[in-house]
C-alpha cells in the first residue's frame, strides 16, 4: 500500500529541479553570512573601532534575530505566499547589505546586521516550504531536502574561505556586497521557477508569541555576553533570569493556543527533541571555536586572509567528503549512532586545541581542527531528515522549521558563550602582563581585546610593540584553550544524548514498515 501511494505521487520535473537550484542559493548565502565575518573582524575592528562587546554583537546579532523570527515568518509565508515573501526578503537583504557595507559606526553596523537577520528569517522558511510544495514524491523530496540541508552546511563552511578571497582582493566591505548579486538572481528567478504557493487556511500570526520569543532570546544572550565584564555580574544574572522567565511564559502560551506559533508539543517526540538537542549542542561548540580558531590564525599566527583560508581548506574538504559519505552510511547504520561517533571524534579534536600554545602552536591547532571540523557534519547533515521523518506529514513543516532554528541559534549561542569565555580569560590575564609606561589609549585597547592590542601595537615602536603583543597573544591563547575545553564538554554531552535518544532511529534504507513502527513508538 505504501509503495502504491508513493508511485502515484506526481514526480518533479525539470522546472522543479531548476527551482531547487535557485532555492539553494539563498540557503547557502544566509548561513554563509553567519561565519563570513570571522576573518573580516580584525579589519572591521581597525576601521570601526568597536568595543569587544560591540564586536561580539556585530558577529552574532544576525543569528539571533534570524532565529527569533524564523517561526513567525513561516506563518506569514503561508498567509501572503512563500514565493512573495522570499522575494521581499531577498530585496531587503540586498539593500541592507549595501547599507552595511558602507557603514562606519559600530552601533549602526549592529542595527544593519540585526535587520539582515530578520530578512534572512523571511527567506529560510520559504525555501523549505517551497520544497514541500514542489516535491510531492517522497523519494524526490528526500533528495531535495538533503540538497537543501547540505547547502546550509556548505554555507557555514564557505563563509571564512569566501571572506579570505574577498579580503585579499578588496576590503571587508565586500563581505556584505557579495550578497547583492545572489539576491538579484533570486528576485529575477523566483517568478520564473517557483510556484506562488499560499495556505489561506493557515494559522493567524500571534504577535505576542513573537515578542515573547525575542524577549527570551535577546536578554538571555545579552546576559551571557555581559558575564565577560568584571563589574556586571548582577546585570548579567538578572537579564539571564528575565530571558528564562519570558521563555517559560512563551512555552505556557504555546500550550494554550489552538494554533501555536511554535508547536512545543513536538518536543514530546523522543526523536525530535533528541535530534534538536544534539543539533544545538553540536552547532554551539563549533560556532564558538570556529571564531576563535580563525582569530588565532590571523592575530596570533599573523597569517594573511588567504593563508588563513588555505589553513581552513583541508578541514573544509574533509567536511565535504563526510557530508557525502554520511547519508550513504546512514542507509545501513542508525543515523543516531553516526552522529554520536562524530561528536565523540569532535571531543578529541577540541582536546587537542586545549594544548595549543601562543608560540609554535599552529601545527597542533590545524591538526586539531582537521579532526573536529568534519566530525560535526553528521549532526548537521542527518538531523533535518530525521526530525521531519519522525512526525506526521501535517507537522513536517513545523518540525523542519525547528531544525533550521536550532542550527543558527546553536551557532550564535556558541559565538556568544565561548566568545565571552575567551574575552573574560583574555582580560583576566592580560591586565597583569602589559608593560608599564604605555600610552593610556594603547593600554586600554590592549586590555579590551587582542584586536585592540594588535591595533595599538601598530602605533608603537617595534620593541615596545613586542612587549604588548606577546602577553596579549598568550592571554588570547589561554582563552582559546578554555573555550576548546568547554566545547569538548558540550560535544561530549551531545554524543551522550545522541547515543541515548537517537540510536533507536532506523537506517534511512530500512523497510517502510520498520520506520512506521518506529513512528508509532514515538507517538505512543
Protein backbone atom coordinates (compact mmCIF):
# COMPACT_ATOMS: atom_id res chain seq x y z
CA UNK A 1 0.00 0.00 0.00
CA UNK A 2 2.79 2.36 0.91
CA UNK A 3 4.66 1.72 -2.36
CA UNK A 4 1.45 2.21 -4.34
CA UNK A 5 0.90 5.56 -2.77
CA UNK A 6 4.47 6.54 -3.46
CA UNK A 7 4.26 5.57 -7.12
CA UNK A 8 1.01 7.55 -7.57
CA UNK A 9 2.56 10.75 -6.24
CA UNK A 10 3.41 13.22 -9.03
CA UNK A 11 7.10 13.37 -9.78
CA UNK A 12 9.03 16.61 -10.06
CA UNK A 13 10.19 17.69 -13.49
CA UNK A 14 12.94 19.88 -14.92
CA UNK A 15 11.35 23.14 -13.69
CA UNK A 16 11.19 21.88 -10.10
CA UNK A 17 14.84 20.78 -10.09
CA UNK A 18 15.92 24.13 -11.54
CA UNK A 19 13.79 25.77 -8.84
CA UNK A 20 15.66 23.73 -6.23
CA UNK A 21 18.93 25.07 -7.62
CA UNK A 22 17.57 28.58 -7.17
CA UNK A 23 16.45 27.86 -3.59
CA UNK A 24 19.89 26.54 -2.71
CA UNK A 25 21.41 29.99 -3.39
CA UNK A 26 19.74 31.91 -0.53
CA UNK A 27 20.05 28.91 1.81
CA UNK A 28 23.81 28.78 1.21
CA UNK A 29 24.28 32.56 1.38
CA UNK A 30 22.20 33.16 4.50
CA UNK A 31 24.18 30.64 6.52
CA UNK A 32 27.44 31.79 4.96
CA UNK A 33 26.66 35.19 6.50
CA UNK A 34 26.84 33.59 9.96
CA UNK A 35 30.58 32.97 9.53
CA UNK A 36 31.72 35.28 6.72
CA UNK A 37 32.82 37.98 9.18
CA UNK A 38 35.13 35.63 11.12
CA UNK A 39 38.14 36.68 9.05
CA UNK A 40 36.88 40.20 8.47
CA UNK A 41 36.57 41.03 12.19
CA UNK A 42 40.17 42.30 12.65
CA UNK A 43 39.69 44.60 9.64
CA UNK A 44 36.29 45.82 10.88
CA UNK A 45 37.79 46.39 14.34
CA UNK A 46 40.56 48.51 12.86
CA UNK A 47 38.20 50.67 10.78
CA UNK A 48 35.16 50.97 13.09
CA UNK A 49 36.97 50.77 16.45
CA UNK A 50 34.14 48.93 18.30
CA UNK A 51 34.46 47.65 21.86
CA UNK A 52 34.91 43.90 22.31
CA UNK A 53 31.24 43.60 23.33
CA UNK A 54 30.10 45.53 20.26
CA UNK A 55 32.29 43.27 18.16
CA UNK A 56 30.52 40.18 19.52
CA UNK A 57 27.13 41.77 18.82
CA UNK A 58 28.19 42.54 15.24
CA UNK A 59 29.06 38.88 14.84
CA UNK A 60 26.01 37.19 16.28
CA UNK A 61 23.03 39.57 16.40
CA UNK A 62 22.37 38.33 12.85
CA UNK A 63 21.90 34.76 14.00
CA UNK A 64 19.72 35.68 16.96
CA UNK A 65 17.27 37.85 15.05
CA UNK A 66 17.15 35.20 12.34
CA UNK A 67 16.32 32.51 14.90
CA UNK A 68 13.84 34.76 16.71
CA UNK A 69 11.78 35.50 13.59
CA UNK A 70 12.04 32.19 11.71
CA UNK A 71 8.87 30.60 13.04
CA UNK A 72 6.83 33.82 12.73
CA UNK A 73 7.97 34.29 9.13
CA UNK A 74 6.90 30.74 8.35
CA UNK A 75 3.36 31.67 9.35
CA UNK A 76 3.48 34.91 7.35
CA UNK A 77 4.77 32.98 4.32
CA UNK A 78 1.74 30.70 4.48
CA UNK A 79 -0.58 33.74 4.51
CA UNK A 80 0.92 36.02 1.84
CA UNK A 81 2.72 33.40 -0.26
CA UNK A 82 6.10 31.74 0.16
CA UNK A 83 7.46 32.96 -3.17
CA UNK A 84 6.33 36.52 -2.49
CA UNK A 85 7.93 36.59 0.96
CA UNK A 86 11.12 35.07 -0.44
CA UNK A 87 11.35 37.90 -2.99
CA UNK A 88 10.60 40.58 -0.37
CA UNK A 89 13.25 39.14 1.94
CA UNK A 90 15.82 38.94 -0.86
CA UNK A 91 15.19 42.60 -1.80
CA UNK A 92 15.54 43.81 1.80
CA UNK A 93 18.65 41.68 2.31
CA UNK A 94 20.31 43.11 -0.80
CA UNK A 95 19.53 46.74 0.08
CA UNK A 96 20.61 46.44 3.72
CA UNK A 97 23.80 44.64 2.68
CA UNK A 98 24.75 47.74 0.67
CA UNK A 99 24.00 49.98 3.67
CA UNK A 100 26.09 47.77 5.98
CA UNK A 101 28.99 47.73 3.52
CA UNK A 102 29.35 51.50 3.73
CA UNK A 103 28.73 51.89 7.47
CA UNK A 104 31.44 53.40 9.68
CA UNK A 105 29.59 53.33 13.01
CA UNK A 106 29.62 50.19 15.23
CA UNK A 107 26.09 50.80 16.55
CA UNK A 108 24.73 51.16 13.03
CA UNK A 109 26.57 48.02 11.98
CA UNK A 110 24.83 46.10 14.78
CA UNK A 111 21.49 47.50 13.59
CA UNK A 112 22.10 46.52 9.96
CA UNK A 113 23.20 43.03 10.97
CA UNK A 114 20.02 42.68 13.05
CA UNK A 115 17.87 43.69 10.08
CA UNK A 116 19.79 41.28 7.85
CA UNK A 117 18.86 38.55 10.33
CA UNK A 118 15.17 39.43 10.03
CA UNK A 119 15.47 39.47 6.22
CA UNK A 120 17.15 36.06 6.36
CA UNK A 121 14.29 34.77 8.52
CA UNK A 122 11.80 35.76 5.81
CA UNK A 123 13.62 33.58 3.30
CA UNK A 124 14.57 30.36 5.11
CA UNK A 125 11.02 29.07 5.89
CA UNK A 126 10.02 29.96 2.33
CA UNK A 127 12.85 27.91 0.82
CA UNK A 128 11.92 24.78 2.75
CA UNK A 129 8.18 25.36 2.40
CA UNK A 130 8.55 25.68 -1.37
CA UNK A 131 10.45 22.40 -1.47
CA UNK A 132 7.46 20.70 0.17
CA UNK A 133 5.19 22.41 -2.39
CA UNK A 134 7.32 21.41 -5.39
CA UNK A 135 8.33 17.84 -4.50
CA UNK A 136 5.38 15.57 -3.74
CA UNK A 137 7.14 12.27 -4.41
CA UNK A 138 8.59 11.12 -1.09
CA UNK A 139 11.88 9.87 -2.53
CA UNK A 140 12.47 13.01 -4.60
CA UNK A 141 11.52 15.20 -1.64
CA UNK A 142 14.07 13.39 0.50
CA UNK A 143 16.78 14.12 -2.07
CA UNK A 144 15.70 17.76 -2.31
CA UNK A 145 15.75 18.20 1.49
CA UNK A 146 19.18 16.57 1.57
CA UNK A 147 20.49 19.05 -1.01
CA UNK A 148 18.94 21.93 0.91
CA UNK A 149 20.50 20.77 4.21
CA UNK A 150 23.88 20.29 2.50
CA UNK A 151 23.73 23.88 1.21
CA UNK A 152 23.35 25.12 4.80
CA UNK A 153 26.42 23.16 5.94
CA UNK A 154 28.33 24.36 2.90
CA UNK A 155 27.39 27.97 3.66
CA UNK A 156 28.74 27.78 7.22
CA UNK A 157 31.93 26.20 5.85
CA UNK A 158 32.43 28.61 2.96
CA UNK A 159 31.97 31.82 4.98
CA UNK A 160 35.60 32.32 6.07
CA UNK A 161 37.00 30.98 2.78
CA UNK A 162 34.95 33.37 0.65
CA UNK A 163 35.82 36.14 3.10
CA UNK A 164 39.54 35.43 2.67
CA UNK A 165 39.35 35.72 -1.10
CA UNK A 166 37.37 38.97 -0.87
CA UNK A 167 39.73 40.44 1.72
CA UNK A 168 42.75 39.72 -0.46
CA UNK A 169 41.19 41.42 -3.48
CA UNK A 170 39.06 44.13 -1.85
CA UNK A 171 38.20 45.03 1.76
CA UNK A 172 35.87 43.80 4.49
CA UNK A 173 33.05 45.77 2.87
CA UNK A 174 32.98 43.24 0.04
CA UNK A 175 31.85 40.54 2.50
CA UNK A 176 28.50 42.35 2.59
CA UNK A 177 28.33 43.28 -1.08
CA UNK A 178 28.74 39.62 -2.16
CA UNK A 179 25.08 39.13 -1.18
CA UNK A 180 23.78 41.66 -3.71
CA UNK A 181 24.20 39.70 -6.99
CA UNK A 182 22.94 36.48 -5.37
CA UNK A 183 19.81 38.17 -4.10
CA UNK A 184 19.30 39.75 -7.54
CA UNK A 185 19.32 36.27 -9.08
CA UNK A 186 16.72 35.12 -6.53
CA UNK A 187 14.45 38.11 -7.25
CA UNK A 188 14.65 37.56 -11.02
CA UNK A 189 14.47 33.76 -10.99
CA UNK A 190 11.75 33.20 -8.38
CA UNK A 191 8.77 34.22 -10.57
CA UNK A 192 10.09 32.03 -13.40
CA UNK A 193 10.84 28.84 -11.47
CA UNK A 194 8.91 28.79 -8.20
CA UNK A 195 5.19 28.28 -7.54
CA UNK A 196 3.11 31.04 -5.93
CA UNK A 197 2.02 28.83 -3.04
CA UNK A 198 -0.16 30.04 -0.14
CA UNK A 199 -2.13 28.37 2.64
CA UNK A 200 -5.13 30.65 3.20
CA UNK A 201 -6.30 28.35 5.95
CA UNK A 202 -3.05 28.77 7.87
CA UNK A 203 -2.95 29.97 11.45
CA UNK A 204 -3.10 33.64 12.40
CA UNK A 205 0.19 35.19 13.49
CA UNK A 206 0.25 35.60 17.26
CA UNK A 207 2.27 38.79 17.72
CA UNK A 208 2.54 38.30 21.49
CA UNK A 209 4.24 34.95 20.92
CA UNK A 210 6.70 36.59 18.51
CA UNK A 211 7.50 39.22 21.14
CA UNK A 212 7.90 36.60 23.87
CA UNK A 213 10.29 34.56 21.73
CA UNK A 214 12.50 37.60 21.13
CA UNK A 215 12.21 38.57 24.80
CA UNK A 216 13.51 35.09 25.62
CA UNK A 217 16.48 35.08 23.27
CA UNK A 218 17.89 38.60 23.43
CA UNK A 219 18.03 39.16 27.24
CA UNK A 220 19.44 35.67 27.74
CA UNK A 221 22.22 36.25 25.21
CA UNK A 222 22.90 39.76 26.48
CA UNK A 223 23.37 38.26 29.92
CA UNK A 224 25.79 35.63 28.62
CA UNK A 225 27.84 38.34 26.89
CA UNK A 226 27.80 40.58 29.97
CA UNK A 227 29.29 37.81 32.11
CA UNK A 228 32.63 38.61 30.45
CA UNK A 229 32.65 42.01 32.20
CA UNK A 230 34.15 42.06 35.68
CA UNK A 231 31.71 44.62 37.11
CA UNK A 232 28.42 43.44 35.63
CA UNK A 233 27.63 40.11 37.31
CA UNK A 234 24.32 41.37 38.75
CA UNK A 235 23.15 42.73 35.39
CA UNK A 236 24.20 39.52 33.63
CA UNK A 237 22.36 37.22 36.03
CA UNK A 238 19.31 39.49 36.04
CA UNK A 239 18.96 39.55 32.25
CA UNK A 240 19.55 35.78 32.00
CA UNK A 241 16.79 35.25 34.60
CA UNK A 242 14.50 37.59 32.66
CA UNK A 243 15.12 35.65 29.44
CA UNK A 244 14.32 32.36 31.17
CA UNK A 245 11.13 33.83 32.66
CA UNK A 246 9.94 35.03 29.27
CA UNK A 247 10.81 31.59 27.86
CA UNK A 248 8.56 29.89 30.42
CA UNK A 249 5.75 32.33 29.55
CA UNK A 250 6.28 31.62 25.86
CA UNK A 251 6.03 27.83 26.33
CA UNK A 252 2.93 28.10 28.52
CA UNK A 253 1.25 30.33 25.94
CA UNK A 254 2.05 27.91 23.10
CA UNK A 255 0.49 25.07 25.06
CA UNK A 256 -2.75 27.07 25.47
CA UNK A 257 -3.07 28.29 21.88
CA UNK A 258 -5.14 26.26 19.44
CA UNK A 259 -2.71 27.21 16.64
CA UNK A 260 0.62 27.99 18.38
CA UNK A 261 3.43 29.95 16.79
CA UNK A 262 5.76 27.11 17.74
CA UNK A 263 4.31 23.66 18.38
CA UNK A 264 6.25 22.84 21.55
CA UNK A 265 4.36 19.54 21.76
CA UNK A 266 6.73 18.28 19.08
CA UNK A 267 9.38 18.14 21.80
CA UNK A 268 7.46 15.26 23.35
CA UNK A 269 8.61 13.18 20.40
CA UNK A 270 11.78 11.42 21.55
CA UNK A 271 13.49 11.65 18.17
CA UNK A 272 12.59 15.31 17.56
CA UNK A 273 13.71 16.51 21.00
CA UNK A 274 16.85 14.37 20.92
CA UNK A 275 17.85 15.47 17.43
CA UNK A 276 17.20 19.15 18.18
CA UNK A 277 19.23 18.94 21.38
CA UNK A 278 22.12 17.28 19.57
CA UNK A 279 21.88 19.80 16.73
CA UNK A 280 22.07 22.81 19.08
CA UNK A 281 24.95 21.33 21.11
CA UNK A 282 26.98 20.43 18.01
CA UNK A 283 26.45 23.85 16.43
CA UNK A 284 27.18 25.72 19.69
CA UNK A 285 30.56 24.09 20.24
CA UNK A 286 31.54 24.53 16.63
CA UNK A 287 30.37 28.15 16.28
CA UNK A 288 32.40 29.45 19.20
CA UNK A 289 35.61 27.55 18.46
CA UNK A 290 35.44 28.30 14.72
CA UNK A 291 35.51 32.02 15.54
CA UNK A 292 38.47 31.73 17.93
CA UNK A 293 40.30 29.42 15.51
CA UNK A 294 40.15 31.99 12.71
CA UNK A 295 41.19 34.79 15.09
CA UNK A 296 44.21 32.76 16.23
CA UNK A 297 45.28 32.23 12.64
CA UNK A 298 45.20 35.96 11.89
CA UNK A 299 46.05 37.65 15.18
CA UNK A 300 48.35 35.15 16.91
CA UNK A 301 49.95 33.31 13.99
CA UNK A 302 49.81 36.53 11.90
CA UNK A 303 48.63 34.77 8.72
CA UNK A 304 47.17 36.77 5.86
CA UNK A 305 43.50 36.20 4.97
CA UNK A 306 44.49 33.98 2.04
CA UNK A 307 46.91 31.96 4.18
CA UNK A 308 44.13 31.60 6.74
CA UNK A 309 41.77 30.26 4.07
CA UNK A 310 44.42 27.74 2.99
CA UNK A 311 44.77 26.63 6.62
CA UNK A 312 40.99 26.06 6.80
CA UNK A 313 40.78 24.33 3.41
CA UNK A 314 41.92 20.77 4.37
CA UNK A 315 39.26 20.52 7.08
CA UNK A 316 36.66 22.01 4.72
CA UNK A 317 37.47 19.44 2.01
CA UNK A 318 37.16 16.62 4.55
CA UNK A 319 33.83 18.06 5.69
CA UNK A 320 32.52 17.85 2.11
CA UNK A 321 33.67 14.22 1.91
CA UNK A 322 31.96 13.40 5.22
CA UNK A 323 28.77 15.15 4.07
CA UNK A 324 28.68 12.88 1.01
CA UNK A 325 29.53 9.70 2.89
CA UNK A 326 27.32 10.16 5.97
CA UNK A 327 23.94 9.74 4.17
CA UNK A 328 25.30 6.63 2.42
CA UNK A 329 26.41 5.04 5.70
CA UNK A 330 23.07 6.08 7.25
CA UNK A 331 21.30 3.73 4.84
CA UNK A 332 22.81 0.80 6.75
CA UNK A 333 23.61 2.19 10.19
CA UNK A 334 21.35 4.18 12.51
CA UNK A 335 21.97 7.90 11.90
CA UNK A 336 21.93 8.39 15.68
CA UNK A 337 24.99 6.18 16.04
CA UNK A 338 26.80 8.00 13.21
CA UNK A 339 26.07 11.36 14.86
CA UNK A 340 27.23 10.09 18.27
CA UNK A 341 30.50 8.79 16.84
CA UNK A 342 31.08 12.08 15.03
CA UNK A 343 30.62 14.10 18.21
CA UNK A 344 32.93 11.74 20.12
CA UNK A 345 35.60 12.37 17.47
CA UNK A 346 34.97 16.10 17.91
CA UNK A 347 35.80 15.80 21.59
CA UNK A 348 39.27 14.53 20.63
CA UNK A 349 39.80 17.49 18.30
CA UNK A 350 38.69 20.01 20.92
CA UNK A 351 41.03 18.45 23.50
CA UNK A 352 43.89 18.86 21.03
CA UNK A 353 43.10 22.58 20.90
CA UNK A 354 43.37 22.83 24.69
CA UNK A 355 47.11 22.10 24.30
CA UNK A 356 47.82 24.81 21.71
CA UNK A 357 50.40 27.43 22.72
CA UNK A 358 50.79 31.02 21.53
CA UNK A 359 54.24 30.25 20.10
CA UNK A 360 54.78 27.34 17.70
CA UNK A 361 51.18 26.21 18.27
CA UNK A 362 49.98 26.48 14.67
CA UNK A 363 50.56 22.83 13.53
CA UNK A 364 48.66 21.42 16.52
CA UNK A 365 45.86 23.96 16.03
CA UNK A 366 45.37 23.00 12.38
CA UNK A 367 45.62 19.28 13.16
CA UNK A 368 43.00 19.58 15.89
CA UNK A 369 40.69 21.49 13.59
CA UNK A 370 41.08 18.85 10.86
CA UNK A 371 39.96 16.25 13.41
CA UNK A 372 37.00 18.14 14.87
CA UNK A 373 35.54 20.12 11.95
CA UNK A 374 34.45 17.32 9.57
CA UNK A 375 33.12 15.36 12.56
CA UNK A 376 30.37 17.92 13.15
CA UNK A 377 28.80 17.25 9.75
CA UNK A 378 26.76 14.12 10.59
CA UNK A 379 24.91 16.11 13.25
CA UNK A 380 24.08 18.79 10.68
CA UNK A 381 23.53 16.58 7.64
CA UNK A 382 21.34 13.87 9.16
CA UNK A 383 19.18 15.58 11.76
CA UNK A 384 16.84 17.54 9.46
CA UNK A 385 15.59 14.43 7.65
CA UNK A 386 15.47 12.58 10.97
CA UNK A 387 13.31 15.30 12.56
CA UNK A 388 10.95 15.64 9.59
CA UNK A 389 10.64 11.86 9.25
CA UNK A 390 9.75 11.43 12.92
CA UNK A 391 6.48 13.39 12.78
CA UNK A 392 3.23 13.02 10.82
CA UNK A 393 3.23 14.69 7.37
CA UNK A 394 0.92 17.52 8.50
CA UNK A 395 3.53 18.55 11.09
CA UNK A 396 6.56 18.25 8.80
CA UNK A 397 6.73 21.99 8.10
CA UNK A 398 6.84 22.91 11.77
CA UNK A 399 9.43 20.23 12.51
CA UNK A 400 11.69 21.39 9.68
CA UNK A 401 11.38 24.97 10.94
CA UNK A 402 12.60 23.82 14.34
CA UNK A 403 15.61 22.21 12.67
CA UNK A 404 16.58 25.42 10.88
CA UNK A 405 16.11 27.46 14.06
CA UNK A 406 18.28 25.04 16.04
CA UNK A 407 21.13 25.39 13.56
CA UNK A 408 21.58 29.14 13.55
CA UNK A 409 20.60 29.50 17.20
CA UNK A 410 23.26 26.94 18.16
CA UNK A 411 25.99 28.67 16.16
CA UNK A 412 25.05 32.07 17.60
CA UNK A 413 24.90 30.69 21.15
CA UNK A 414 28.35 29.20 20.69
CA UNK A 415 29.78 32.51 19.49
CA UNK A 416 28.23 34.28 22.48
CA UNK A 417 29.16 31.72 25.14
CA UNK A 418 32.63 30.62 24.05
CA UNK A 419 33.47 34.08 22.72
CA UNK A 420 32.56 35.58 26.10
CA UNK A 421 34.68 32.97 27.90
CA UNK A 422 37.61 33.87 25.65
CA UNK A 423 37.19 37.60 26.37
CA UNK A 424 36.95 37.01 30.13
CA UNK A 425 40.12 34.89 30.20
CA UNK A 426 41.95 37.37 27.97
CA UNK A 427 41.09 40.36 30.15
CA UNK A 428 41.90 38.48 33.34
CA UNK A 429 45.39 37.54 32.16
CA UNK A 430 46.49 40.48 30.05
CA UNK A 431 45.83 43.16 32.67
CA UNK A 432 48.75 41.96 34.81
CA UNK A 433 51.22 41.31 32.00
CA UNK A 434 51.20 44.51 29.93
CA UNK A 435 54.33 46.66 30.34
CA UNK A 436 54.14 49.91 32.25
CA UNK A 437 54.51 53.30 30.65
CA UNK A 438 52.19 52.64 27.70
CA UNK A 439 50.04 55.48 26.39
CA UNK A 440 46.67 55.22 28.14
CA UNK A 441 44.73 54.79 24.89
CA UNK A 442 47.01 51.96 23.72
CA UNK A 443 46.87 50.25 27.13
CA UNK A 444 43.06 50.44 27.26
CA UNK A 445 42.73 48.98 23.75
CA UNK A 446 45.15 46.15 24.57
CA UNK A 447 43.27 45.32 27.80
CA UNK A 448 39.95 45.15 25.94
CA UNK A 449 40.77 42.60 23.21
CA UNK A 450 43.52 41.07 21.11
CA UNK A 451 42.22 43.10 18.15
CA UNK A 452 42.82 46.21 20.22
CA UNK A 453 46.31 45.05 21.20
CA UNK A 454 47.28 44.41 17.58
CA UNK A 455 45.86 47.76 16.51
CA UNK A 456 47.59 49.70 19.30
CA UNK A 457 50.88 47.89 18.71
CA UNK A 458 50.99 49.30 15.19
CA UNK A 459 51.37 52.79 16.70
CA UNK A 460 54.28 51.82 18.98
CA UNK A 461 57.97 51.25 18.37
CA UNK A 462 58.89 47.65 17.39
CA UNK A 463 60.45 46.85 20.78
CA UNK A 464 57.51 48.18 22.78
CA UNK A 465 55.02 46.58 20.38
CA UNK A 466 56.58 43.18 21.08
CA UNK A 467 56.12 43.64 24.83
CA UNK A 468 52.43 44.29 24.17
CA UNK A 469 51.77 41.58 21.60
CA UNK A 470 53.47 38.66 23.33
CA UNK A 471 51.40 38.73 26.55
CA UNK A 472 48.25 39.63 24.59
CA UNK A 473 48.67 36.63 22.28
CA UNK A 474 49.43 34.36 25.22
CA UNK A 475 46.27 35.59 27.00
CA UNK A 476 44.15 35.02 23.89
CA UNK A 477 45.56 31.50 23.53
CA UNK A 478 44.61 30.75 27.13
CA UNK A 479 41.07 31.84 26.26
CA UNK A 480 41.13 29.53 23.25
CA UNK A 481 42.32 26.64 25.43
CA UNK A 482 39.48 27.11 27.92
CA UNK A 483 36.93 27.71 25.14
CA UNK A 484 38.00 24.46 23.48
CA UNK A 485 37.61 22.63 26.79
CA UNK A 486 34.07 23.99 27.16
CA UNK A 487 33.35 22.95 23.56
CA UNK A 488 34.67 19.45 24.33
CA UNK A 489 32.24 19.18 27.24
CA UNK A 490 29.38 20.41 25.01
CA UNK A 491 30.28 17.89 22.27
CA UNK A 492 30.55 15.08 24.84
CA UNK A 493 27.07 15.94 26.12
CA UNK A 494 25.82 15.86 22.51
CA UNK A 495 27.40 12.44 21.94
CA UNK A 496 25.78 11.03 25.09
CA UNK A 497 22.43 12.47 24.04
CA UNK A 498 22.76 11.01 20.54
CA UNK A 499 23.55 7.52 21.81
CA UNK A 500 20.82 7.69 24.46
CA UNK A 501 17.97 9.20 22.43
CA UNK A 502 18.69 8.54 18.75
CA UNK A 503 20.29 5.12 18.46
CA UNK A 504 16.82 3.56 18.02
CA UNK A 505 16.22 5.58 14.82
CA UNK A 506 16.34 3.04 11.95
CA UNK A 507 18.71 3.46 8.99
CA UNK A 508 17.27 5.53 6.13
CA UNK A 509 17.37 2.42 3.98
CA UNK A 510 15.24 0.43 6.43
CA UNK A 511 11.95 -1.04 5.15
CA UNK A 512 8.97 1.30 5.30
CA UNK A 513 7.20 -0.89 7.85
CA UNK A 514 10.15 -0.66 10.25
CA UNK A 515 10.04 3.13 10.01
CA UNK A 516 6.29 3.16 10.52
CA UNK A 517 6.69 1.01 13.64
CA UNK A 518 9.31 3.42 14.95
CA UNK A 519 6.97 6.37 14.39
CA UNK A 520 4.18 4.56 16.24
CA UNK A 521 6.51 4.04 19.20
CA UNK A 522 7.39 7.75 19.15
CA UNK A 523 3.72 8.75 19.05
CA UNK A 524 2.96 6.47 21.98
